[in-house]
Amino acid sequence: MPMVLWCQDYEVNFLGIPVVRVHIQQIPNEDPGLVTYEYAARTTPLFSAIYKVNNHYRVTMDTSMSRIVSYEKEISQKNFKQSFHTLYKPGKTIYSTGEERIAETNRHTMLSLLLSLTRESTPREFSTPLEIEGAYYSTRMIPREKNSNILEWEIILLPDGGSSVLASTDLFTSRLADPEAQRSVSVDISTGRIVSACFTLSPYTLTARILGDS
């Protein structure tokens, strides 16, 4: 087990019912210029009887969290299993499927973008390139101040070329870029922590909220 530098837990609710626990932790990286975070998403014991999920994601970025270096995932949900990773090299992206693509622009994944928002303390609208397993998006970040400490970001994805390198993917990733979806994340700028996130694809909403301090 790797040493844990920082961790935080979240509970995801669907129709008011806790369905998933998400554990985010930072682990050491041998390169002092890089940081690595792991996400573990597991369904609650009650919901596992309906749709069991035990998914793990890992992102490695530079210490400014402005550039992603690698993305990995190990998926186990219901009858679907998948292992996939991506390396982001200068000028190209390399996928574990064997495909390589020219990449003139550094792009976030959704998970690295969420982490990068913990470094944003000024409510400013901006755009950033994003990639979801080979599909490219221009992402608009629209801030809304909730109070003196909480800054909420609306995340709008606009298609920007590319196409998925995977024939199928996990449930979380498959719906991220749906054009009808609404996405937001709230950050406590005094502590640099994500406190909540919301994903709505009418008529359903998933809401994740922080659980205490870890």
N, C-alpha and C. Protein backbone atom coordinates (compact mmCIF):
# COMPACT_ATOMS: atom_id res chain seq x y z
N MET A 1 0.84 -1.20 0.00
CA MET A 1 0.00 0.00 0.00
C MET A 1 0.88 1.26 0.00
N PRO A 2 0.61 2.20 -0.93
CA PRO A 2 1.43 3.41 -0.96
C PRO A 2 1.12 4.32 0.23
N MET A 3 2.10 5.10 0.65
CA MET A 3 1.88 6.08 1.70
C MET A 3 0.90 7.13 1.20
N VAL A 4 0.02 7.57 2.07
CA VAL A 4 -0.99 8.56 1.71
C VAL A 4 -0.58 9.91 2.28
N LEU A 5 -0.52 10.93 1.41
CA LEU A 5 -0.15 12.27 1.84
C LEU A 5 -1.36 13.09 2.26
N TRP A 6 -2.50 12.79 1.65
CA TRP A 6 -3.74 13.54 1.90
C TRP A 6 -4.89 12.69 1.41
N CYS A 7 -6.04 12.79 2.05
CA CYS A 7 -7.20 12.05 1.57
C CYS A 7 -8.50 12.74 1.96
N GLN A 8 -9.55 12.42 1.24
CA GLN A 8 -10.86 12.99 1.52
C GLN A 8 -11.93 12.05 0.98
N ASP A 9 -13.06 11.97 1.69
CA ASP A 9 -14.16 11.09 1.29
C ASP A 9 -15.40 11.89 0.92
N TYR A 10 -16.15 11.34 -0.04
CA TYR A 10 -17.37 11.96 -0.52
C TYR A 10 -18.47 10.91 -0.62
N GLU A 11 -19.71 11.36 -0.45
CA GLU A 11 -20.87 10.48 -0.61
C GLU A 11 -21.70 10.99 -1.78
N VAL A 12 -22.01 10.08 -2.71
CA VAL A 12 -22.82 10.43 -3.88
C VAL A 12 -24.24 9.96 -3.64
N ASN A 13 -25.19 10.90 -3.81
CA ASN A 13 -26.61 10.59 -3.61
C ASN A 13 -27.36 10.63 -4.92
N PHE A 14 -28.28 9.68 -5.08
CA PHE A 14 -29.16 9.62 -6.23
C PHE A 14 -30.58 9.45 -5.72
N LEU A 15 -31.48 10.38 -6.07
CA LEU A 15 -32.85 10.39 -5.56
C LEU A 15 -32.87 10.38 -4.03
N GLY A 16 -31.88 11.07 -3.43
CA GLY A 16 -31.81 11.16 -1.98
C GLY A 16 -31.23 9.93 -1.31
N ILE A 17 -30.77 8.96 -2.08
CA ILE A 17 -30.25 7.70 -1.53
C ILE A 17 -28.74 7.66 -1.72
N PRO A 18 -27.95 7.38 -0.67
CA PRO A 18 -26.50 7.23 -0.85
C PRO A 18 -26.20 5.99 -1.70
N VAL A 19 -25.54 6.19 -2.83
CA VAL A 19 -25.30 5.07 -3.74
C VAL A 19 -23.81 4.76 -3.92
N VAL A 20 -22.93 5.77 -3.77
CA VAL A 20 -21.51 5.57 -4.02
C VAL A 20 -20.70 6.36 -3.00
N ARG A 21 -19.60 5.77 -2.55
CA ARG A 21 -18.59 6.48 -1.77
C ARG A 21 -17.36 6.69 -2.65
N VAL A 22 -16.84 7.91 -2.66
CA VAL A 22 -15.65 8.24 -3.43
C VAL A 22 -14.55 8.65 -2.47
N HIS A 23 -13.41 8.00 -2.60
CA HIS A 23 -12.24 8.31 -1.76
C HIS A 23 -11.16 8.88 -2.68
N ILE A 24 -10.71 10.10 -2.39
CA ILE A 24 -9.63 10.73 -3.15
C ILE A 24 -8.41 10.83 -2.24
N GLN A 25 -7.27 10.42 -2.77
CA GLN A 25 -6.06 10.52 -1.96
C GLN A 25 -4.87 10.91 -2.83
N GLN A 26 -3.95 11.63 -2.22
CA GLN A 26 -2.69 11.95 -2.87
C GLN A 26 -1.63 10.99 -2.36
N ILE A 27 -0.87 10.42 -3.29
CA ILE A 27 0.20 9.51 -2.92
C ILE A 27 1.52 10.08 -3.43
N PRO A 28 2.65 9.67 -2.83
CA PRO A 28 3.94 10.22 -3.25
C PRO A 28 4.26 9.88 -4.70
N ASN A 29 5.00 10.77 -5.34
CA ASN A 29 5.53 10.51 -6.67
C ASN A 29 7.04 10.63 -6.60
N GLU A 30 7.74 9.73 -7.28
CA GLU A 30 9.20 9.74 -7.23
C GLU A 30 9.79 11.02 -7.81
N ASP A 31 9.06 11.63 -8.73
CA ASP A 31 9.50 12.89 -9.34
C ASP A 31 8.96 14.05 -8.52
N PRO A 32 9.82 14.88 -7.91
CA PRO A 32 9.34 15.99 -7.08
C PRO A 32 8.59 17.06 -7.86
N GLY A 33 8.67 17.01 -9.19
CA GLY A 33 7.94 17.96 -10.01
C GLY A 33 6.54 17.50 -10.38
N LEU A 34 6.14 16.31 -9.87
CA LEU A 34 4.84 15.75 -10.21
C LEU A 34 4.03 15.42 -8.96
N VAL A 35 2.70 15.42 -9.10
CA VAL A 35 1.80 14.99 -8.02
C VAL A 35 0.85 13.94 -8.57
N THR A 36 0.52 12.95 -7.75
CA THR A 36 -0.35 11.85 -8.17
C THR A 36 -1.55 11.74 -7.23
N TYR A 37 -2.73 11.65 -7.81
CA TYR A 37 -3.96 11.49 -7.04
C TYR A 37 -4.70 10.25 -7.52
N GLU A 38 -5.31 9.56 -6.57
CA GLU A 38 -6.12 8.39 -6.87
C GLU A 38 -7.57 8.63 -6.44
N TYR A 39 -8.49 8.19 -7.29
CA TYR A 39 -9.92 8.21 -6.99
C TYR A 39 -10.38 6.75 -6.87
N ALA A 40 -11.10 6.41 -5.81
CA ALA A 40 -11.72 5.09 -5.69
C ALA A 40 -13.22 5.30 -5.52
N ALA A 41 -14.01 4.70 -6.39
CA ALA A 41 -15.47 4.83 -6.35
C ALA A 41 -16.08 3.45 -6.12
N ARG A 42 -16.81 3.31 -5.01
CA ARG A 42 -17.43 2.02 -4.68
C ARG A 42 -18.89 2.25 -4.29
N THR A 43 -19.76 1.39 -4.80
CA THR A 43 -21.16 1.49 -4.41
C THR A 43 -21.34 1.10 -2.95
N THR A 44 -22.34 1.69 -2.32
CA THR A 44 -22.67 1.35 -0.94
C THR A 44 -23.18 -0.08 -0.88
N PRO A 45 -23.11 -0.74 0.30
CA PRO A 45 -23.56 -2.13 0.39
C PRO A 45 -24.98 -2.34 -0.11
N LEU A 46 -25.90 -1.40 0.19
CA LEU A 46 -27.28 -1.55 -0.25
C LEU A 46 -27.40 -1.46 -1.76
N PHE A 47 -26.75 -0.48 -2.37
CA PHE A 47 -26.88 -0.28 -3.82
C PHE A 47 -26.08 -1.32 -4.60
N SER A 48 -25.06 -1.92 -3.97
CA SER A 48 -24.26 -2.93 -4.66
C SER A 48 -25.09 -4.13 -5.09
N ALA A 49 -26.18 -4.38 -4.37
CA ALA A 49 -27.05 -5.50 -4.74
C ALA A 49 -27.76 -5.24 -6.07
N ILE A 50 -27.85 -3.94 -6.45
CA ILE A 50 -28.52 -3.56 -7.70
C ILE A 50 -27.51 -3.37 -8.81
N TYR A 51 -26.45 -2.62 -8.53
CA TYR A 51 -25.45 -2.31 -9.55
C TYR A 51 -24.11 -2.08 -8.85
N LYS A 52 -23.27 -3.09 -8.80
CA LYS A 52 -22.03 -3.01 -8.05
C LYS A 52 -20.94 -2.31 -8.85
N VAL A 53 -20.27 -1.34 -8.21
CA VAL A 53 -19.17 -0.61 -8.83
C VAL A 53 -17.97 -0.63 -7.90
N ASN A 54 -16.80 -0.91 -8.46
CA ASN A 54 -15.53 -0.81 -7.73
C ASN A 54 -14.48 -0.31 -8.72
N ASN A 55 -14.47 1.01 -8.92
CA ASN A 55 -13.65 1.62 -9.96
C ASN A 55 -12.52 2.44 -9.35
N HIS A 56 -11.37 2.41 -10.02
CA HIS A 56 -10.19 3.15 -9.54
C HIS A 56 -9.60 3.97 -10.69
N TYR A 57 -9.30 5.22 -10.40
CA TYR A 57 -8.72 6.13 -11.37
C TYR A 57 -7.48 6.78 -10.76
N ARG A 58 -6.48 7.07 -11.60
CA ARG A 58 -5.27 7.73 -11.11
C ARG A 58 -4.83 8.78 -12.13
N VAL A 59 -4.55 9.98 -11.64
CA VAL A 59 -4.04 11.04 -12.51
C VAL A 59 -2.73 11.57 -11.92
N THR A 60 -1.77 11.82 -12.80
CA THR A 60 -0.50 12.42 -12.42
C THR A 60 -0.33 13.72 -13.20
N MET A 61 0.00 14.80 -12.47
CA MET A 61 0.13 16.12 -13.07
C MET A 61 1.40 16.78 -12.58
N ASP A 62 1.74 17.92 -13.21
CA ASP A 62 2.82 18.72 -12.65
C ASP A 62 2.31 19.39 -11.37
N THR A 63 3.21 19.93 -10.59
CA THR A 63 2.83 20.46 -9.27
C THR A 63 1.92 21.68 -9.35
N SER A 64 1.90 22.36 -10.50
CA SER A 64 0.98 23.49 -10.66
C SER A 64 -0.42 23.01 -11.01
N MET A 65 -0.57 21.72 -11.30
CA MET A 65 -1.82 21.09 -11.71
C MET A 65 -2.37 21.66 -13.02
N SER A 66 -1.48 22.21 -13.84
CA SER A 66 -1.90 22.77 -15.11
C SER A 66 -1.65 21.82 -16.28
N ARG A 67 -0.84 20.77 -16.06
CA ARG A 67 -0.49 19.84 -17.13
C ARG A 67 -0.57 18.41 -16.63
N ILE A 68 -1.35 17.58 -17.33
CA ILE A 68 -1.47 16.18 -16.95
C ILE A 68 -0.38 15.37 -17.64
N VAL A 69 0.15 14.39 -16.92
CA VAL A 69 1.22 13.53 -17.42
C VAL A 69 0.70 12.14 -17.75
N SER A 70 -0.21 11.63 -16.92
CA SER A 70 -0.77 10.30 -17.19
C SER A 70 -2.15 10.16 -16.55
N TYR A 71 -2.92 9.25 -17.13
CA TYR A 71 -4.26 8.92 -16.64
C TYR A 71 -4.41 7.42 -16.71
N GLU A 72 -4.90 6.82 -15.62
CA GLU A 72 -5.09 5.37 -15.58
C GLU A 72 -6.44 5.05 -14.95
N LYS A 73 -7.00 3.91 -15.35
CA LYS A 73 -8.22 3.47 -14.68
C LYS A 73 -8.30 1.94 -14.69
N GLU A 74 -8.88 1.42 -13.62
CA GLU A 74 -9.20 0.00 -13.49
C GLU A 74 -10.68 -0.07 -13.14
N ILE A 75 -11.47 -0.63 -14.03
CA ILE A 75 -12.92 -0.59 -13.90
C ILE A 75 -13.49 -1.97 -13.60
N SER A 76 -14.38 -2.02 -12.63
CA SER A 76 -15.14 -3.23 -12.34
C SER A 76 -16.54 -2.79 -11.94
N GLN A 77 -17.47 -2.90 -12.87
CA GLN A 77 -18.85 -2.50 -12.59
C GLN A 77 -19.80 -3.50 -13.24
N LYS A 78 -20.65 -4.04 -12.43
CA LYS A 78 -21.61 -5.06 -12.86
C LYS A 78 -20.90 -6.13 -13.68
N ASN A 79 -21.21 -6.26 -14.98
CA ASN A 79 -20.58 -7.29 -15.81
C ASN A 79 -19.49 -6.73 -16.71
N PHE A 80 -18.97 -5.54 -16.39
CA PHE A 80 -18.01 -4.85 -17.25
C PHE A 80 -16.71 -4.61 -16.51
N LYS A 81 -15.59 -5.04 -17.11
CA LYS A 81 -14.27 -4.79 -16.55
C LYS A 81 -13.39 -4.17 -17.64
N GLN A 82 -12.51 -3.26 -17.21
CA GLN A 82 -11.67 -2.57 -18.19
C GLN A 82 -10.43 -2.01 -17.51
N SER A 83 -9.30 -2.11 -18.21
CA SER A 83 -8.05 -1.51 -17.77
C SER A 83 -7.56 -0.62 -18.91
N PHE A 84 -7.20 0.62 -18.58
CA PHE A 84 -6.87 1.59 -19.62
C PHE A 84 -5.94 2.64 -19.04
N HIS A 85 -4.95 3.07 -19.84
CA HIS A 85 -4.11 4.18 -19.38
C HIS A 85 -3.65 5.02 -20.57
N THR A 86 -3.32 6.26 -20.26
CA THR A 86 -2.91 7.24 -21.27
C THR A 86 -1.66 7.95 -20.78
N LEU A 87 -0.70 8.15 -21.68
CA LEU A 87 0.49 8.95 -21.40
C LEU A 87 0.44 10.20 -22.25
N TYR A 88 0.68 11.34 -21.63
CA TYR A 88 0.65 12.62 -22.33
C TYR A 88 2.09 13.12 -22.48
N LYS A 89 2.62 12.93 -23.68
CA LYS A 89 3.99 13.34 -23.99
C LYS A 89 3.96 14.68 -24.73
N PRO A 90 5.07 15.42 -24.74
CA PRO A 90 5.11 16.66 -25.52
C PRO A 90 4.81 16.39 -27.00
N GLY A 91 3.71 16.94 -27.48
CA GLY A 91 3.36 16.80 -28.89
C GLY A 91 2.57 15.57 -29.26
N LYS A 92 2.38 14.62 -28.33
CA LYS A 92 1.60 13.43 -28.68
C LYS A 92 0.99 12.78 -27.44
N THR A 93 -0.07 12.05 -27.68
CA THR A 93 -0.76 11.30 -26.63
C THR A 93 -0.71 9.83 -26.99
N ILE A 94 -0.34 9.00 -26.02
CA ILE A 94 -0.17 7.56 -26.25
C ILE A 94 -1.19 6.79 -25.40
N TYR A 95 -1.99 5.96 -26.05
CA TYR A 95 -3.04 5.20 -25.36
C TYR A 95 -2.64 3.72 -25.24
N SER A 96 -3.14 3.09 -24.21
CA SER A 96 -2.82 1.68 -24.00
C SER A 96 -3.47 0.78 -25.04
N THR A 97 -4.36 1.33 -25.87
CA THR A 97 -4.94 0.57 -26.98
C THR A 97 -3.92 0.40 -28.10
N GLY A 98 -2.78 1.12 -28.02
CA GLY A 98 -1.78 1.09 -29.06
C GLY A 98 -1.85 2.27 -30.00
N GLU A 99 -2.89 3.07 -29.85
CA GLU A 99 -3.05 4.25 -30.71
C GLU A 99 -2.26 5.43 -30.17
N GLU A 100 -1.71 6.22 -31.08
CA GLU A 100 -1.03 7.48 -30.73
C GLU A 100 -1.64 8.61 -31.55
N ARG A 101 -1.73 9.79 -30.93
CA ARG A 101 -2.27 10.94 -31.64
C ARG A 101 -1.39 12.16 -31.41
N ILE A 102 -1.28 12.97 -32.45
CA ILE A 102 -0.57 14.24 -32.31
C ILE A 102 -1.38 15.14 -31.39
N ALA A 103 -0.71 15.77 -30.44
CA ALA A 103 -1.39 16.65 -29.48
C ALA A 103 -0.62 17.96 -29.40
N GLU A 104 -1.14 18.97 -30.08
CA GLU A 104 -0.48 20.27 -30.08
C GLU A 104 -0.80 21.07 -28.83
N THR A 105 -1.84 20.65 -28.11
CA THR A 105 -2.30 21.39 -26.93
C THR A 105 -2.35 20.48 -25.73
N ASN A 106 -1.90 20.95 -24.58
CA ASN A 106 -2.07 20.19 -23.34
C ASN A 106 -3.54 20.20 -22.95
N ARG A 107 -4.07 19.04 -22.63
CA ARG A 107 -5.48 18.92 -22.28
C ARG A 107 -5.65 18.24 -20.93
N HIS A 108 -6.60 18.73 -20.16
CA HIS A 108 -6.98 18.07 -18.93
C HIS A 108 -7.86 16.87 -19.23
N THR A 109 -7.96 15.94 -18.29
CA THR A 109 -9.09 15.01 -18.20
C THR A 109 -10.07 15.65 -17.22
N MET A 110 -11.26 15.09 -17.10
CA MET A 110 -12.21 15.67 -16.16
C MET A 110 -11.71 15.58 -14.73
N LEU A 111 -11.08 14.48 -14.37
CA LEU A 111 -10.61 14.30 -13.00
C LEU A 111 -9.45 15.25 -12.68
N SER A 112 -8.55 15.47 -13.63
CA SER A 112 -7.47 16.42 -13.37
C SER A 112 -7.99 17.85 -13.35
N LEU A 113 -9.01 18.13 -14.16
CA LEU A 113 -9.61 19.47 -14.15
C LEU A 113 -10.23 19.78 -12.79
N LEU A 114 -10.93 18.82 -12.20
CA LEU A 114 -11.53 19.04 -10.89
C LEU A 114 -10.46 19.36 -9.85
N LEU A 115 -9.37 18.63 -9.90
CA LEU A 115 -8.28 18.88 -8.96
C LEU A 115 -7.65 20.25 -9.19
N SER A 116 -7.51 20.65 -10.46
CA SER A 116 -6.89 21.94 -10.76
C SER A 116 -7.73 23.09 -10.24
N LEU A 117 -9.05 22.89 -10.13
CA LEU A 117 -9.93 23.95 -9.64
C LEU A 117 -9.69 24.27 -8.16
N THR A 118 -9.06 23.36 -7.45
CA THR A 118 -8.74 23.65 -6.04
C THR A 118 -7.65 24.71 -5.93
N ARG A 119 -7.00 25.03 -7.05
CA ARG A 119 -5.97 26.08 -7.07
C ARG A 119 -6.54 27.43 -7.53
N GLU A 120 -7.81 27.43 -7.94
CA GLU A 120 -8.43 28.66 -8.44
C GLU A 120 -9.15 29.37 -7.30
N SER A 121 -8.73 30.58 -6.97
CA SER A 121 -9.37 31.33 -5.88
C SER A 121 -10.04 32.60 -6.37
N THR A 122 -9.89 32.92 -7.67
CA THR A 122 -10.47 34.13 -8.22
C THR A 122 -11.62 33.77 -9.14
N PRO A 123 -12.81 34.37 -8.93
CA PRO A 123 -13.96 34.06 -9.80
C PRO A 123 -13.80 34.71 -11.17
N ARG A 124 -13.20 33.96 -12.08
CA ARG A 124 -12.98 34.47 -13.44
C ARG A 124 -13.46 33.42 -14.43
N GLU A 125 -14.12 33.83 -15.47
CA GLU A 125 -14.54 32.89 -16.49
C GLU A 125 -13.35 32.59 -17.40
N PHE A 126 -13.15 31.30 -17.69
CA PHE A 126 -12.06 30.93 -18.57
C PHE A 126 -12.39 29.63 -19.30
N SER A 127 -11.58 29.32 -20.29
CA SER A 127 -11.74 28.08 -21.05
C SER A 127 -10.47 27.26 -20.96
N THR A 128 -10.61 25.95 -21.05
CA THR A 128 -9.45 25.07 -21.02
C THR A 128 -9.72 23.85 -21.89
N PRO A 129 -8.72 23.35 -22.61
CA PRO A 129 -8.91 22.14 -23.42
C PRO A 129 -9.06 20.91 -22.52
N LEU A 130 -9.89 19.97 -22.96
CA LEU A 130 -10.14 18.76 -22.18
C LEU A 130 -10.23 17.57 -23.12
N GLU A 131 -9.82 16.42 -22.62
CA GLU A 131 -9.88 15.18 -23.39
C GLU A 131 -10.59 14.11 -22.58
N ILE A 132 -11.45 13.36 -23.24
CA ILE A 132 -12.09 12.21 -22.60
C ILE A 132 -11.80 10.99 -23.46
N GLU A 133 -10.70 10.31 -23.14
CA GLU A 133 -10.32 9.06 -23.79
C GLU A 133 -10.30 9.17 -25.32
N GLY A 134 -9.70 10.27 -25.80
CA GLY A 134 -9.53 10.46 -27.24
C GLY A 134 -10.44 11.49 -27.86
N ALA A 135 -11.57 11.80 -27.22
CA ALA A 135 -12.48 12.83 -27.71
C ALA A 135 -12.10 14.17 -27.08
N TYR A 136 -12.05 15.22 -27.89
CA TYR A 136 -11.58 16.53 -27.43
C TYR A 136 -12.74 17.49 -27.20
N TYR A 137 -12.56 18.35 -26.20
CA TYR A 137 -13.58 19.34 -25.87
C TYR A 137 -12.91 20.66 -25.49
N SER A 138 -13.63 21.75 -25.76
CA SER A 138 -13.27 23.04 -25.19
C SER A 138 -14.19 23.23 -24.00
N THR A 139 -13.59 23.46 -22.84
CA THR A 139 -14.37 23.50 -21.60
C THR A 139 -14.46 24.91 -21.07
N ARG A 140 -15.68 25.43 -20.95
CA ARG A 140 -15.91 26.75 -20.38
C ARG A 140 -16.16 26.61 -18.90
N MET A 141 -15.46 27.40 -18.11
CA MET A 141 -15.61 27.40 -16.66
C MET A 141 -16.25 28.72 -16.26
N ILE A 142 -17.45 28.63 -15.71
CA ILE A 142 -18.22 29.83 -15.34
C ILE A 142 -18.36 29.87 -13.82
N PRO A 143 -17.79 30.87 -13.16
CA PRO A 143 -17.81 30.91 -11.69
C PRO A 143 -19.06 31.58 -11.14
N ARG A 144 -19.48 31.10 -9.97
CA ARG A 144 -20.57 31.73 -9.23
C ARG A 144 -20.20 31.69 -7.75
N GLU A 145 -20.03 32.86 -7.16
CA GLU A 145 -19.67 32.93 -5.74
C GLU A 145 -20.88 32.57 -4.89
N LYS A 146 -20.72 31.57 -4.04
CA LYS A 146 -21.81 31.16 -3.14
C LYS A 146 -21.74 31.94 -1.84
N ASN A 147 -20.53 32.12 -1.33
CA ASN A 147 -20.30 32.98 -0.17
C ASN A 147 -18.82 33.35 -0.18
N SER A 148 -18.31 33.90 0.89
CA SER A 148 -16.94 34.39 0.89
C SER A 148 -15.91 33.30 0.70
N ASN A 149 -16.26 32.05 1.04
CA ASN A 149 -15.30 30.95 0.94
C ASN A 149 -15.60 29.97 -0.18
N ILE A 150 -16.87 29.82 -0.55
CA ILE A 150 -17.27 28.80 -1.51
C ILE A 150 -17.43 29.40 -2.90
N LEU A 151 -16.70 28.82 -3.85
CA LEU A 151 -16.78 29.24 -5.25
C LEU A 151 -17.29 28.06 -6.07
N GLU A 152 -18.43 28.26 -6.72
CA GLU A 152 -19.02 27.20 -7.55
C GLU A 152 -18.66 27.45 -9.02
N TRP A 153 -18.29 26.37 -9.69
CA TRP A 153 -17.95 26.44 -11.11
C TRP A 153 -18.94 25.63 -11.92
N GLU A 154 -19.55 26.26 -12.92
CA GLU A 154 -20.34 25.52 -13.90
C GLU A 154 -19.39 25.09 -15.01
N ILE A 155 -19.49 23.83 -15.42
CA ILE A 155 -18.57 23.26 -16.41
C ILE A 155 -19.36 22.94 -17.68
N ILE A 156 -19.01 23.62 -18.76
CA ILE A 156 -19.70 23.43 -20.04
C ILE A 156 -18.72 22.82 -21.04
N LEU A 157 -19.08 21.68 -21.62
CA LEU A 157 -18.23 20.99 -22.59
C LEU A 157 -18.72 21.25 -24.01
N LEU A 158 -17.82 21.72 -24.87
CA LEU A 158 -18.14 21.96 -26.27
C LEU A 158 -17.25 21.07 -27.13
N PRO A 159 -17.80 20.23 -28.01
CA PRO A 159 -16.99 19.33 -28.83
C PRO A 159 -15.91 20.08 -29.60
N ASP A 160 -14.71 19.46 -29.67
CA ASP A 160 -13.57 20.13 -30.29
C ASP A 160 -12.73 19.13 -31.09
N GLY A 161 -13.39 18.10 -31.66
CA GLY A 161 -12.69 17.15 -32.50
C GLY A 161 -12.30 15.88 -31.77
N GLY A 162 -11.56 15.03 -32.46
CA GLY A 162 -11.14 13.76 -31.88
C GLY A 162 -12.29 12.78 -31.80
N SER A 163 -11.98 11.59 -31.36
CA SER A 163 -13.00 10.56 -31.16
C SER A 163 -12.47 9.55 -30.15
N SER A 164 -13.37 8.87 -29.49
CA SER A 164 -12.98 7.94 -28.45
C SER A 164 -12.11 6.82 -29.02
N VAL A 165 -11.10 6.43 -28.26
CA VAL A 165 -10.25 5.30 -28.67
C VAL A 165 -10.80 3.99 -28.11
N LEU A 166 -11.88 4.06 -27.35
CA LEU A 166 -12.48 2.87 -26.74
C LEU A 166 -13.87 2.61 -27.31
N ALA A 167 -14.17 1.36 -27.59
CA ALA A 167 -15.49 1.00 -28.08
C ALA A 167 -16.55 1.12 -26.98
N SER A 168 -16.14 0.92 -25.74
CA SER A 168 -17.03 1.06 -24.59
C SER A 168 -16.22 1.55 -23.41
N THR A 169 -16.90 2.15 -22.44
CA THR A 169 -16.20 2.69 -21.29
C THR A 169 -17.09 2.57 -20.07
N ASP A 170 -16.58 3.02 -18.93
CA ASP A 170 -17.34 2.91 -17.69
C ASP A 170 -18.50 3.90 -17.68
N LEU A 171 -19.45 3.67 -16.80
CA LEU A 171 -20.68 4.47 -16.76
C LEU A 171 -20.38 5.93 -16.48
N PHE A 172 -19.49 6.20 -15.53
CA PHE A 172 -19.15 7.58 -15.18
C PHE A 172 -18.61 8.33 -16.40
N THR A 173 -17.66 7.75 -17.10
CA THR A 173 -17.03 8.41 -18.23
C THR A 173 -17.98 8.54 -19.41
N SER A 174 -18.84 7.55 -19.61
CA SER A 174 -19.70 7.52 -20.80
C SER A 174 -20.69 8.67 -20.83
N ARG A 175 -21.06 9.21 -19.68
CA ARG A 175 -22.10 10.26 -19.67
C ARG A 175 -21.53 11.66 -19.45
N LEU A 176 -20.25 11.76 -19.20
CA LEU A 176 -19.66 13.04 -18.84
C LEU A 176 -19.94 14.14 -19.85
N ALA A 177 -19.81 13.82 -21.13
CA ALA A 177 -19.89 14.85 -22.17
C ALA A 177 -21.26 14.94 -22.81
N ASP A 178 -22.27 14.30 -22.26
CA ASP A 178 -23.60 14.37 -22.84
C ASP A 178 -24.01 15.83 -23.02
N PRO A 179 -24.43 16.23 -24.22
CA PRO A 179 -24.75 17.64 -24.47
C PRO A 179 -25.91 18.18 -23.63
N GLU A 180 -26.72 17.28 -23.09
CA GLU A 180 -27.85 17.72 -22.27
C GLU A 180 -27.50 17.80 -20.78
N ALA A 181 -26.30 17.39 -20.43
CA ALA A 181 -25.91 17.32 -19.01
C ALA A 181 -25.54 18.70 -18.47
N GLN A 182 -25.77 18.87 -17.18
CA GLN A 182 -25.33 20.05 -16.44
C GLN A 182 -24.34 19.59 -15.38
N ARG A 183 -23.22 20.30 -15.27
CA ARG A 183 -22.15 19.90 -14.36
C ARG A 183 -21.70 21.10 -13.55
N SER A 184 -21.48 20.88 -12.26
CA SER A 184 -20.94 21.95 -11.42
C SER A 184 -20.12 21.35 -10.29
N VAL A 185 -19.17 22.13 -9.81
CA VAL A 185 -18.35 21.72 -8.68
C VAL A 185 -18.11 22.94 -7.80
N SER A 186 -18.17 22.75 -6.48
CA SER A 186 -17.96 23.83 -5.53
C SER A 186 -16.68 23.59 -4.76
N VAL A 187 -15.87 24.65 -4.63
CA VAL A 187 -14.58 24.57 -3.97
C VAL A 187 -14.53 25.55 -2.81
N ASP A 188 -14.04 25.08 -1.67
CA ASP A 188 -13.77 25.97 -0.54
C ASP A 188 -12.40 26.58 -0.77
N ILE A 189 -12.37 27.85 -1.16
CA ILE A 189 -11.09 28.46 -1.52
C ILE A 189 -10.22 28.74 -0.29
N SER A 190 -10.81 28.68 0.91
CA SER A 190 -10.00 28.89 2.11
C SER A 190 -9.18 27.66 2.46
N THR A 191 -9.65 26.48 2.04
CA THR A 191 -8.94 25.23 2.33
C THR A 191 -8.42 24.53 1.08
N GLY A 192 -8.87 25.00 -0.10
CA GLY A 192 -8.46 24.34 -1.34
C GLY A 192 -9.04 22.95 -1.49
N ARG A 193 -10.30 22.75 -1.03
CA ARG A 193 -10.93 21.43 -1.12
C ARG A 193 -12.21 21.50 -1.93
N ILE A 194 -12.46 20.47 -2.70
CA ILE A 194 -13.78 20.30 -3.33
C ILE A 194 -14.77 19.94 -2.24
N VAL A 195 -15.86 20.67 -2.14
CA VAL A 195 -16.85 20.38 -1.10
C VAL A 195 -18.10 19.69 -1.67
N SER A 196 -18.37 19.89 -2.96
CA SER A 196 -19.52 19.21 -3.56
C SER A 196 -19.40 19.24 -5.07
N ALA A 197 -20.13 18.34 -5.71
CA ALA A 197 -20.20 18.31 -7.17
C ALA A 197 -21.58 17.81 -7.55
N CYS A 198 -22.08 18.30 -8.69
CA CYS A 198 -23.43 17.94 -9.11
C CYS A 198 -23.43 17.64 -10.60
N PHE A 199 -24.10 16.54 -10.97
CA PHE A 199 -24.24 16.15 -12.37
C PHE A 199 -25.70 15.86 -12.62
N THR A 200 -26.31 16.62 -13.55
CA THR A 200 -27.72 16.46 -13.86
C THR A 200 -27.89 16.09 -15.32
N LEU A 201 -28.58 15.00 -15.58
CA LEU A 201 -28.99 14.61 -16.91
C LEU A 201 -30.47 14.28 -16.79
N SER A 202 -31.29 15.27 -17.13
CA SER A 202 -32.73 15.22 -16.87
C SER A 202 -33.33 13.86 -17.24
N PRO A 203 -34.13 13.32 -16.32
CA PRO A 203 -34.67 13.90 -15.08
C PRO A 203 -33.86 13.54 -13.82
N TYR A 204 -32.63 13.07 -13.96
CA TYR A 204 -31.90 12.56 -12.81
C TYR A 204 -30.72 13.46 -12.43
N THR A 205 -30.42 13.46 -11.13
CA THR A 205 -29.31 14.25 -10.61
C THR A 205 -28.49 13.42 -9.65
N LEU A 206 -27.18 13.47 -9.80
CA LEU A 206 -26.24 12.88 -8.85
C LEU A 206 -25.53 14.02 -8.13
N THR A 207 -25.48 13.94 -6.80
CA THR A 207 -24.83 14.98 -6.01
C THR A 207 -23.82 14.34 -5.07
N ALA A 208 -22.58 14.82 -5.13
CA ALA A 208 -21.53 14.33 -4.24
C ALA A 208 -21.21 15.41 -3.22
N ARG A 209 -21.12 15.03 -1.94
CA ARG A 209 -20.81 15.98 -0.88
C ARG A 209 -19.69 15.43 0.01
N ILE A 210 -18.87 16.36 0.48
CA ILE A 210 -17.75 16.00 1.32
C ILE A 210 -18.22 15.40 2.63
N LEU A 211 -17.47 14.43 3.15
CA LEU A 211 -17.79 13.79 4.41
C LEU A 211 -16.70 14.13 5.43
N GLY A 212 -16.97 15.03 6.33
CA GLY A 212 -16.06 15.34 7.42
C GLY A 212 -14.67 15.69 6.95
N ASP A 213 -13.69 15.56 7.83
CA ASP A 213 -12.30 15.82 7.52
C ASP A 213 -11.50 14.54 7.64
N SER A 214 -10.57 14.34 6.71
CA SER A 214 -9.71 13.15 6.75
C SER A 214 -8.26 13.57 6.84
